[in-house]
Amino acid sequence: MEVYAGHHMPADMAYTAAVSFDLKDRQVLQSGDMATVISQSDATGTYEGKAIHMQTMETMVLQREGGTWKITHIHWSSSPVTDDHSH
């Protein structure tokens, strides 16, 4: 976590502040004290002077500890929306 906080997190926070996310779909799969959340969104905006239009996928794995859900794993991926890949 310290490596992420010291290197990638500031850029991720700036990107998230500059781009709008439109949630298209979210699925929650829960079994006992474990859950997986899969979210699909469109991201649009401008970041570092470049127009952004991306399809994004976020997968989170959560574990409930003492009644509180905690993220144990998170993964983001994205691909540009082009004329060939529009919804």
PDB file of N, CA and C in Angstrom:
ATOM      1  N   MET A   1       0.821  -1.189   0.000  1.00  0.00           N
ATOM      2  CA  MET A   1       0.000   0.000   0.000  1.00  0.00           C
ATOM      3  C   MET A   1       0.868   1.258   0.000  1.00  0.00           C
ATOM      4  N   GLU A   2       1.981   1.235   0.720  1.00  0.00           N
ATOM      5  CA  GLU A   2       2.841   2.421   0.772  1.00  0.00           C
ATOM      6  C   GLU A   2       3.423   2.753  -0.588  1.00  0.00           C
ATOM      7  N   VAL A   3       3.773   1.738  -1.376  1.00  0.00           N
ATOM      8  CA  VAL A   3       4.309   1.978  -2.718  1.00  0.00           C
ATOM      9  C   VAL A   3       3.236   2.637  -3.575  1.00  0.00           C
ATOM     10  N   TYR A   4       2.018   2.121  -3.517  1.00  0.00           N
ATOM     11  CA  TYR A   4       0.912   2.713  -4.279  1.00  0.00           C
ATOM     12  C   TYR A   4       0.673   4.151  -3.833  1.00  0.00           C
ATOM     13  N   ALA A   5       0.587   4.375  -2.547  1.00  0.00           N
ATOM     14  CA  ALA A   5       0.312   5.725  -2.019  1.00  0.00           C
ATOM     15  C   ALA A   5       1.398   6.707  -2.431  1.00  0.00           C
ATOM     16  N   GLY A   6       2.633   6.255  -2.504  1.00  0.00           N
ATOM     17  CA  GLY A   6       3.736   7.146  -2.823  1.00  0.00           C
ATOM     18  C   GLY A   6       3.962   7.377  -4.301  1.00  0.00           C
ATOM     19  N   HIS A   7       3.403   6.510  -5.140  1.00  0.00           N
ATOM     20  CA  HIS A   7       3.698   6.615  -6.567  1.00  0.00           C
ATOM     21  C   HIS A   7       2.461   6.821  -7.429  1.00  0.00           C
ATOM     22  N   HIS A   8       1.508   5.889  -7.380  1.00  0.00           N
ATOM     23  CA  HIS A   8       0.381   5.904  -8.313  1.00  0.00           C
ATOM     24  C   HIS A   8      -0.846   6.644  -7.787  1.00  0.00           C
ATOM     25  N   MET A   9      -1.045   6.659  -6.492  1.00  0.00           N
ATOM     26  CA  MET A   9      -2.275   7.221  -5.947  1.00  0.00           C
ATOM     27  C   MET A   9      -2.488   8.692  -6.301  1.00  0.00           C
ATOM     28  N   PRO A  10      -1.491   9.562  -6.229  1.00  0.00           N
ATOM     29  CA  PRO A  10      -1.750  10.965  -6.593  1.00  0.00           C
ATOM     30  C   PRO A  10      -2.257  11.128  -8.026  1.00  0.00           C
ATOM     31  N   ALA A  11      -1.689  10.398  -8.972  1.00  0.00           N
ATOM     32  CA  ALA A  11      -2.151  10.488 -10.364  1.00  0.00           C
ATOM     33  C   ALA A  11      -3.549   9.896 -10.507  1.00  0.00           C
ATOM     34  N   ASP A  12      -3.827   8.789  -9.820  1.00  0.00           N
ATOM     35  CA  ASP A  12      -5.164   8.195  -9.866  1.00  0.00           C
ATOM     36  C   ASP A  12      -6.205   9.159  -9.303  1.00  0.00           C
ATOM     37  N   MET A  13      -5.873   9.855  -8.238  1.00  0.00           N
ATOM     38  CA  MET A  13      -6.802  10.817  -7.644  1.00  0.00           C
ATOM     39  C   MET A  13      -7.044  11.996  -8.584  1.00  0.00           C
ATOM     40  N   ALA A  14      -5.999  12.487  -9.245  1.00  0.00           N
ATOM     41  CA  ALA A  14      -6.152  13.598 -10.195  1.00  0.00           C
ATOM     42  C   ALA A  14      -7.011  13.169 -11.382  1.00  0.00           C
ATOM     43  N   TYR A  15      -6.804  11.964 -11.881  1.00  0.00           N
ATOM     44  CA  TYR A  15      -7.590  11.441 -12.995  1.00  0.00           C
ATOM     45  C   TYR A  15      -9.057  11.328 -12.602  1.00  0.00           C
ATOM     46  N   THR A  16      -9.321  10.759 -11.437  1.00  0.00           N
ATOM     47  CA  THR A  16     -10.699  10.578 -10.963  1.00  0.00           C
ATOM     48  C   THR A  16     -11.401  11.918 -10.768  1.00  0.00           C
ATOM     49  N   ALA A  17     -10.675  12.942 -10.339  1.00  0.00           N
ATOM     50  CA  ALA A  17     -11.267  14.268 -10.152  1.00  0.00           C
ATOM     51  C   ALA A  17     -11.581  14.945 -11.491  1.00  0.00           C
ATOM     52  N   ALA A  18     -10.823  14.620 -12.543  1.00  0.00           N
ATOM     53  CA  ALA A  18     -10.972  15.294 -13.832  1.00  0.00           C
ATOM     54  C   ALA A  18     -11.973  14.613 -14.761  1.00  0.00           C
ATOM     55  N   VAL A  19     -12.302  13.366 -14.488  1.00  0.00           N
ATOM     56  CA  VAL A  19     -13.115  12.567 -15.395  1.00  0.00           C
ATOM     57  C   VAL A  19     -14.434  12.205 -14.713  1.00  0.00           C
ATOM     58  N   SER A  20     -15.524  12.209 -15.481  1.00  0.00           N
ATOM     59  CA  SER A  20     -16.832  11.802 -14.963  1.00  0.00           C
ATOM     60  C   SER A  20     -17.063  10.329 -15.280  1.00  0.00           C
ATOM     61  N   PHE A  21     -17.627   9.620 -14.313  1.00  0.00           N
ATOM     62  CA  PHE A  21     -17.920   8.199 -14.489  1.00  0.00           C
ATOM     63  C   PHE A  21     -19.431   7.997 -14.490  1.00  0.00           C
ATOM     64  N   ASP A  22     -19.930   7.341 -15.529  1.00  0.00           N
ATOM     65  CA  ASP A  22     -21.357   7.036 -15.662  1.00  0.00           C
ATOM     66  C   ASP A  22     -21.514   5.520 -15.496  1.00  0.00           C
ATOM     67  N   LEU A  23     -22.022   5.093 -14.332  1.00  0.00           N
ATOM     68  CA  LEU A  23     -22.180   3.676 -14.038  1.00  0.00           C
ATOM     69  C   LEU A  23     -23.206   3.056 -14.988  1.00  0.00           C
ATOM     70  N   LYS A  24     -22.806   2.003 -15.690  1.00  0.00           N
ATOM     71  CA  LYS A  24     -23.678   1.311 -16.638  1.00  0.00           C
ATOM     72  C   LYS A  24     -24.236   0.017 -16.048  1.00  0.00           C
ATOM     73  N   ASP A  25     -23.463  -0.673 -15.225  1.00  0.00           N
ATOM     74  CA  ASP A  25     -23.898  -1.943 -14.656  1.00  0.00           C
ATOM     75  C   ASP A  25     -23.073  -2.246 -13.410  1.00  0.00           C
ATOM     76  N   ARG A  26     -23.724  -2.851 -12.417  1.00  0.00           N
ATOM     77  CA  ARG A  26     -23.008  -3.285 -11.209  1.00  0.00           C
ATOM     78  C   ARG A  26     -23.629  -4.592 -10.748  1.00  0.00           C
ATOM     79  N   GLN A  27     -22.782  -5.558 -10.491  1.00  0.00           N
ATOM     80  CA  GLN A  27     -23.227  -6.848  -9.971  1.00  0.00           C
ATOM     81  C   GLN A  27     -22.506  -7.106  -8.659  1.00  0.00           C
ATOM     82  N   VAL A  28     -23.244  -7.609  -7.673  1.00  0.00           N
ATOM     83  CA  VAL A  28     -22.673  -7.963  -6.382  1.00  0.00           C
ATOM     84  C   VAL A  28     -22.912  -9.445  -6.166  1.00  0.00           C
ATOM     85  N   LEU A  29     -21.837 -10.172  -5.974  1.00  0.00           N
ATOM     86  CA  LEU A  29     -21.901 -11.608  -5.716  1.00  0.00           C
ATOM     87  C   LEU A  29     -21.398 -11.830  -4.298  1.00  0.00           C
ATOM     88  N   GLN A  30     -22.271 -12.285  -3.407  1.00  0.00           N
ATOM     89  CA  GLN A  30     -21.906 -12.440  -2.000  1.00  0.00           C
ATOM     90  C   GLN A  30     -22.102 -13.879  -1.560  1.00  0.00           C
ATOM     91  N   SER A  31     -21.146 -14.360  -0.789  1.00  0.00           N
ATOM     92  CA  SER A  31     -21.238 -15.675  -0.163  1.00  0.00           C
ATOM     93  C   SER A  31     -20.658 -15.548   1.237  1.00  0.00           C
ATOM     94  N   GLY A  32     -21.531 -15.544   2.234  1.00  0.00           N
ATOM     95  CA  GLY A  32     -21.072 -15.417   3.616  1.00  0.00           C
ATOM     96  C   GLY A  32     -20.382 -14.084   3.834  1.00  0.00           C
ATOM     97  N   ASP A  33     -19.142 -14.139   4.285  1.00  0.00           N
ATOM     98  CA  ASP A  33     -18.374 -12.939   4.605  1.00  0.00           C
ATOM     99  C   ASP A  33     -17.468 -12.485   3.466  1.00  0.00           C
ATOM    100  N   MET A  34     -17.696 -13.008   2.270  1.00  0.00           N
ATOM    101  CA  MET A  34     -16.926 -12.593   1.097  1.00  0.00           C
ATOM    102  C   MET A  34     -17.884 -12.055   0.039  1.00  0.00           C
ATOM    103  N   ALA A  35     -17.446 -11.040  -0.689  1.00  0.00           N
ATOM    104  CA  ALA A  35     -18.259 -10.480  -1.773  1.00  0.00           C
ATOM    105  C   ALA A  35     -17.343 -10.007  -2.895  1.00  0.00           C
ATOM    106  N   THR A  36     -17.853 -10.111  -4.113  1.00  0.00           N
ATOM    107  CA  THR A  36     -17.189  -9.564  -5.285  1.00  0.00           C
ATOM    108  C   THR A  36     -18.152  -8.570  -5.921  1.00  0.00           C
ATOM    109  N   VAL A  37     -17.650  -7.376  -6.215  1.00  0.00           N
ATOM    110  CA  VAL A  37     -18.452  -6.326  -6.835  1.00  0.00           C
ATOM    111  C   VAL A  37     -17.818  -6.019  -8.193  1.00  0.00           C
ATOM    112  N   ILE A  38     -18.614  -6.141  -9.239  1.00  0.00           N
ATOM    113  CA  ILE A  38     -18.134  -5.891 -10.604  1.00  0.00           C
ATOM    114  C   ILE A  38     -18.923  -4.719 -11.162  1.00  0.00           C
ATOM    115  N   SER A  39     -18.223  -3.645 -11.537  1.00  0.00           N
ATOM    116  CA  SER A  39     -18.868  -2.429 -12.030  1.00  0.00           C
ATOM    117  C   SER A  39     -18.334  -2.083 -13.415  1.00  0.00           C
ATOM    118  N   GLN A  40     -19.260  -1.710 -14.311  1.00  0.00           N
ATOM    119  CA  GLN A  40     -18.894  -1.247 -15.643  1.00  0.00           C
ATOM    120  C   GLN A  40     -19.380   0.190 -15.792  1.00  0.00           C
ATOM    121  N   SER A  41     -18.501   1.067 -16.276  1.00  0.00           N
ATOM    122  CA  SER A  41     -18.830   2.487 -16.415  1.00  0.00           C
ATOM    123  C   SER A  41     -18.255   3.040 -17.704  1.00  0.00           C
ATOM    124  N   ASP A  42     -18.774   4.198 -18.089  1.00  0.00           N
ATOM    125  CA  ASP A  42     -18.160   5.010 -19.135  1.00  0.00           C
ATOM    126  C   ASP A  42     -17.474   6.181 -18.441  1.00  0.00           C
ATOM    127  N   ALA A  43     -16.260   6.477 -18.851  1.00  0.00           N
ATOM    128  CA  ALA A  43     -15.518   7.602 -18.310  1.00  0.00           C
ATOM    129  C   ALA A  43     -15.324   8.637 -19.418  1.00  0.00           C
ATOM    130  N   THR A  44     -15.672   9.892 -19.123  1.00  0.00           N
ATOM    131  CA  THR A  44     -15.498  10.970 -20.104  1.00  0.00           C
ATOM    132  C   THR A  44     -14.945  12.198 -19.407  1.00  0.00           C
ATOM    133  N   GLY A  45     -14.217  12.996 -20.144  1.00  0.00           N
ATOM    134  CA  GLY A  45     -13.675  14.234 -19.618  1.00  0.00           C
ATOM    135  C   GLY A  45     -12.376  14.581 -20.309  1.00  0.00           C
ATOM    136  N   THR A  46     -11.591  15.416 -19.646  1.00  0.00           N
ATOM    137  CA  THR A  46     -10.287  15.822 -20.161  1.00  0.00           C
ATOM    138  C   THR A  46      -9.259  15.634 -19.050  1.00  0.00           C
ATOM    139  N   TYR A  47      -8.152  14.984 -19.376  1.00  0.00           N
ATOM    140  CA  TYR A  47      -7.081  14.767 -18.409  1.00  0.00           C
ATOM    141  C   TYR A  47      -5.753  15.040 -19.097  1.00  0.00           C
ATOM    142  N   GLU A  48      -4.957  15.898 -18.467  1.00  0.00           N
ATOM    143  CA  GLU A  48      -3.651  16.305 -19.010  1.00  0.00           C
ATOM    144  C   GLU A  48      -3.778  16.770 -20.457  1.00  0.00           C
ATOM    145  N   GLY A  49      -4.849  17.540 -20.733  1.00  0.00           N
ATOM    146  CA  GLY A  49      -5.054  18.128 -22.049  1.00  0.00           C
ATOM    147  C   GLY A  49      -5.576  17.176 -23.107  1.00  0.00           C
ATOM    148  N   LYS A  50      -5.904  15.941 -22.728  1.00  0.00           N
ATOM    149  CA  LYS A  50      -6.389  14.960 -23.696  1.00  0.00           C
ATOM    150  C   LYS A  50      -7.840  14.607 -23.387  1.00  0.00           C
ATOM    151  N   ALA A  51      -8.647  14.506 -24.454  1.00  0.00           N
ATOM    152  CA  ALA A  51     -10.037  14.086 -24.296  1.00  0.00           C
ATOM    153  C   ALA A  51     -10.063  12.610 -23.911  1.00  0.00           C
ATOM    154  N   ILE A  52     -10.913  12.284 -22.941  1.00  0.00           N
ATOM    155  CA  ILE A  52     -11.043  10.921 -22.446  1.00  0.00           C
ATOM    156  C   ILE A  52     -12.449  10.413 -22.761  1.00  0.00           C
ATOM    157  N   HIS A  53     -12.547   9.236 -23.361  1.00  0.00           N
ATOM    158  CA  HIS A  53     -13.814   8.511 -23.512  1.00  0.00           C
ATOM    159  C   HIS A  53     -13.448   7.030 -23.461  1.00  0.00           C
ATOM    160  N   MET A  54     -13.650   6.427 -22.276  1.00  0.00           N
ATOM    161  CA  MET A  54     -13.220   5.053 -22.027  1.00  0.00           C
ATOM    162  C   MET A  54     -14.363   4.223 -21.473  1.00  0.00           C
ATOM    163  N   GLN A  55     -14.331   2.942 -21.767  1.00  0.00           N
ATOM    164  CA  GLN A  55     -15.166   1.968 -21.079  1.00  0.00           C
ATOM    165  C   GLN A  55     -14.303   1.408 -19.959  1.00  0.00           C
ATOM    166  N   THR A  56     -14.832   1.397 -18.735  1.00  0.00           N
ATOM    167  CA  THR A  56     -14.033   0.950 -17.602  1.00  0.00           C
ATOM    168  C   THR A  56     -14.691  -0.243 -16.915  1.00  0.00           C
ATOM    169  N   MET A  57     -13.856  -1.051 -16.298  1.00  0.00           N
ATOM    170  CA  MET A  57     -14.312  -2.203 -15.524  1.00  0.00           C
ATOM    171  C   MET A  57     -13.565  -2.159 -14.192  1.00  0.00           C
ATOM    172  N   GLU A  58     -14.322  -2.295 -13.116  1.00  0.00           N
ATOM    173  CA  GLU A  58     -13.723  -2.326 -11.778  1.00  0.00           C
ATOM    174  C   GLU A  58     -14.194  -3.597 -11.092  1.00  0.00           C
ATOM    175  N   THR A  59     -13.267  -4.340 -10.536  1.00  0.00           N
ATOM    176  CA  THR A  59     -13.595  -5.541  -9.772  1.00  0.00           C
ATOM    177  C   THR A  59     -13.014  -5.381  -8.377  1.00  0.00           C
ATOM    178  N   MET A  60     -13.877  -5.530  -7.372  1.00  0.00           N
ATOM    179  CA  MET A  60     -13.436  -5.455  -5.975  1.00  0.00           C
ATOM    180  C   MET A  60     -13.814  -6.745  -5.266  1.00  0.00           C
ATOM    181  N   VAL A  61     -12.905  -7.239  -4.453  1.00  0.00           N
ATOM    182  CA  VAL A  61     -13.181  -8.365  -3.575  1.00  0.00           C
ATOM    183  C   VAL A  61     -13.178  -7.805  -2.159  1.00  0.00           C
ATOM    184  N   LEU A  62     -14.256  -8.082  -1.425  1.00  0.00           N
ATOM    185  CA  LEU A  62     -14.393  -7.579  -0.061  1.00  0.00           C
ATOM    186  C   LEU A  62     -14.562  -8.730   0.918  1.00  0.00           C
ATOM    187  N   GLN A  63     -14.096  -8.511   2.142  1.00  0.00           N
ATOM    188  CA  GLN A  63     -14.276  -9.481   3.217  1.00  0.00           C
ATOM    189  C   GLN A  63     -14.860  -8.760   4.419  1.00  0.00           C
ATOM    190  N   ARG A  64     -15.869  -9.362   5.028  1.00  0.00           N
ATOM    191  CA  ARG A  64     -16.489  -8.763   6.206  1.00  0.00           C
ATOM    192  C   ARG A  64     -15.722  -9.222   7.446  1.00  0.00           C
ATOM    193  N   GLU A  65     -15.252  -8.237   8.204  1.00  0.00           N
ATOM    194  CA  GLU A  65     -14.525  -8.502   9.444  1.00  0.00           C
ATOM    195  C   GLU A  65     -15.181  -7.720  10.564  1.00  0.00           C
ATOM    196  N   GLY A  66     -15.739  -8.403  11.541  1.00  0.00           N
ATOM    197  CA  GLY A  66     -16.380  -7.726  12.662  1.00  0.00           C
ATOM    198  C   GLY A  66     -17.524  -6.829  12.243  1.00  0.00           C
ATOM    199  N   GLY A  67     -18.267  -7.227  11.218  1.00  0.00           N
ATOM    200  CA  GLY A  67     -19.408  -6.450  10.757  1.00  0.00           C
ATOM    201  C   GLY A  67     -19.066  -5.336   9.790  1.00  0.00           C
ATOM    202  N   THR A  68     -17.787  -5.158   9.446  1.00  0.00           N
ATOM    203  CA  THR A  68     -17.353  -4.109   8.532  1.00  0.00           C
ATOM    204  C   THR A  68     -16.764  -4.740   7.273  1.00  0.00           C
ATOM    205  N   TRP A  69     -17.223  -4.266   6.107  1.00  0.00           N
ATOM    206  CA  TRP A  69     -16.679  -4.753   4.841  1.00  0.00           C
ATOM    207  C   TRP A  69     -15.377  -4.030   4.540  1.00  0.00           C
ATOM    208  N   LYS A  70     -14.339  -4.795   4.185  1.00  0.00           N
ATOM    209  CA  LYS A  70     -13.031  -4.234   3.840  1.00  0.00           C
ATOM    210  C   LYS A  70     -12.610  -4.763   2.476  1.00  0.00           C
ATOM    211  N   ILE A  71     -12.072  -3.869   1.654  1.00  0.00           N
ATOM    212  CA  ILE A  71     -11.587  -4.268   0.327  1.00  0.00           C
ATOM    213  C   ILE A  71     -10.282  -5.036   0.511  1.00  0.00           C
ATOM    214  N   THR A  72     -10.237  -6.256  -0.035  1.00  0.00           N
ATOM    215  CA  THR A  72      -9.009  -7.046   0.026  1.00  0.00           C
ATOM    216  C   THR A  72      -8.272  -7.063  -1.303  1.00  0.00           C
ATOM    217  N   HIS A  73      -9.008  -6.738  -2.383  1.00  0.00           N
ATOM    218  CA  HIS A  73      -8.384  -6.686  -3.708  1.00  0.00           C
ATOM    219  C   HIS A  73      -9.234  -5.784  -4.597  1.00  0.00           C
ATOM    220  N   ILE A  74      -8.555  -5.003  -5.435  1.00  0.00           N
ATOM    221  CA  ILE A  74      -9.269  -4.166  -6.391  1.00  0.00           C
ATOM    222  C   ILE A  74      -8.477  -4.140  -7.693  1.00  0.00           C
ATOM    223  N   HIS A  75      -9.216  -4.157  -8.806  1.00  0.00           N
ATOM    224  CA  HIS A  75      -8.570  -4.127 -10.117  1.00  0.00           C
ATOM    225  C   HIS A  75      -9.383  -3.234 -11.045  1.00  0.00           C
ATOM    226  N   TRP A  76      -8.695  -2.379 -11.785  1.00  0.00           N
ATOM    227  CA  TRP A  76      -9.328  -1.511 -12.774  1.00  0.00           C
ATOM    228  C   TRP A  76      -8.752  -1.826 -14.140  1.00  0.00           C
ATOM    229  N   SER A  77      -9.602  -1.778 -15.135  1.00  0.00           N
ATOM    230  CA  SER A  77      -9.129  -1.865 -16.509  1.00  0.00           C
ATOM    231  C   SER A  77     -10.011  -0.959 -17.354  1.00  0.00           C
ATOM    232  N   SER A  78      -9.481  -0.553 -18.498  1.00  0.00           N
ATOM    233  CA  SER A  78     -10.244   0.335 -19.372  1.00  0.00           C
ATOM    234  C   SER A  78      -9.800   0.144 -20.813  1.00  0.00           C
ATOM    235  N   SER A  79     -10.697   0.560 -21.705  1.00  0.00           N
ATOM    236  CA  SER A  79     -10.369   0.552 -23.130  1.00  0.00           C
ATOM    237  C   SER A  79     -11.039   1.762 -23.752  1.00  0.00           C
ATOM    238  N   PRO A  80     -10.395   2.359 -24.752  1.00  0.00           N
ATOM    239  CA  PRO A  80     -10.967   3.538 -25.387  1.00  0.00           C
ATOM    240  C   PRO A  80     -12.249   3.212 -26.134  1.00  0.00           C
ATOM    241  N   VAL A  81     -13.195   4.124 -26.095  1.00  0.00           N
ATOM    242  CA  VAL A  81     -14.413   3.986 -26.890  1.00  0.00           C
ATOM    243  C   VAL A  81     -14.109   4.580 -28.258  1.00  0.00           C
ATOM    244  N   THR A  82     -14.255   3.766 -29.272  1.00  0.00           N
ATOM    245  CA  THR A  82     -14.058   4.209 -30.649  1.00  0.00           C
ATOM    246  C   THR A  82     -15.342   3.916 -31.412  1.00  0.00           C
ATOM    247  N   ASP A  83     -15.379   4.277 -32.664  1.00  0.00           N
ATOM    248  CA  ASP A  83     -16.548   3.964 -33.486  1.00  0.00           C
ATOM    249  C   ASP A  83     -16.787   2.467 -33.544  1.00  0.00           C
ATOM    250  N   ASP A  84     -15.709   1.688 -33.428  1.00  0.00           N
ATOM    251  CA  ASP A  84     -15.822   0.225 -33.458  1.00  0.00           C
ATOM    252  C   ASP A  84     -16.276  -0.360 -32.131  1.00  0.00           C
ATOM    253  N   HIS A  85     -16.164   0.423 -31.028  1.00  0.00           N
ATOM    254  CA  HIS A  85     -16.451  -0.104 -29.691  1.00  0.00           C
ATOM    255  C   HIS A  85     -17.470   0.718 -28.931  1.00  0.00           C
ATOM    256  N   SER A  86     -18.378   1.366 -29.589  1.00  0.00           N
ATOM    257  CA  SER A  86     -19.382   2.149 -28.874  1.00  0.00           C
ATOM    258  C   SER A  86     -20.488   1.224 -28.410  1.00  0.00           C
ATOM    259  N   HIS A  87     -21.239   1.687 -27.403  1.00  0.00           N
ATOM    260  CA  HIS A  87     -22.340   0.866 -26.827  1.00  0.00           C
ATOM    261  C   HIS A  87     -23.468   0.736 -27.800  1.00  0.00           C
TER     262      HIS A  87
END
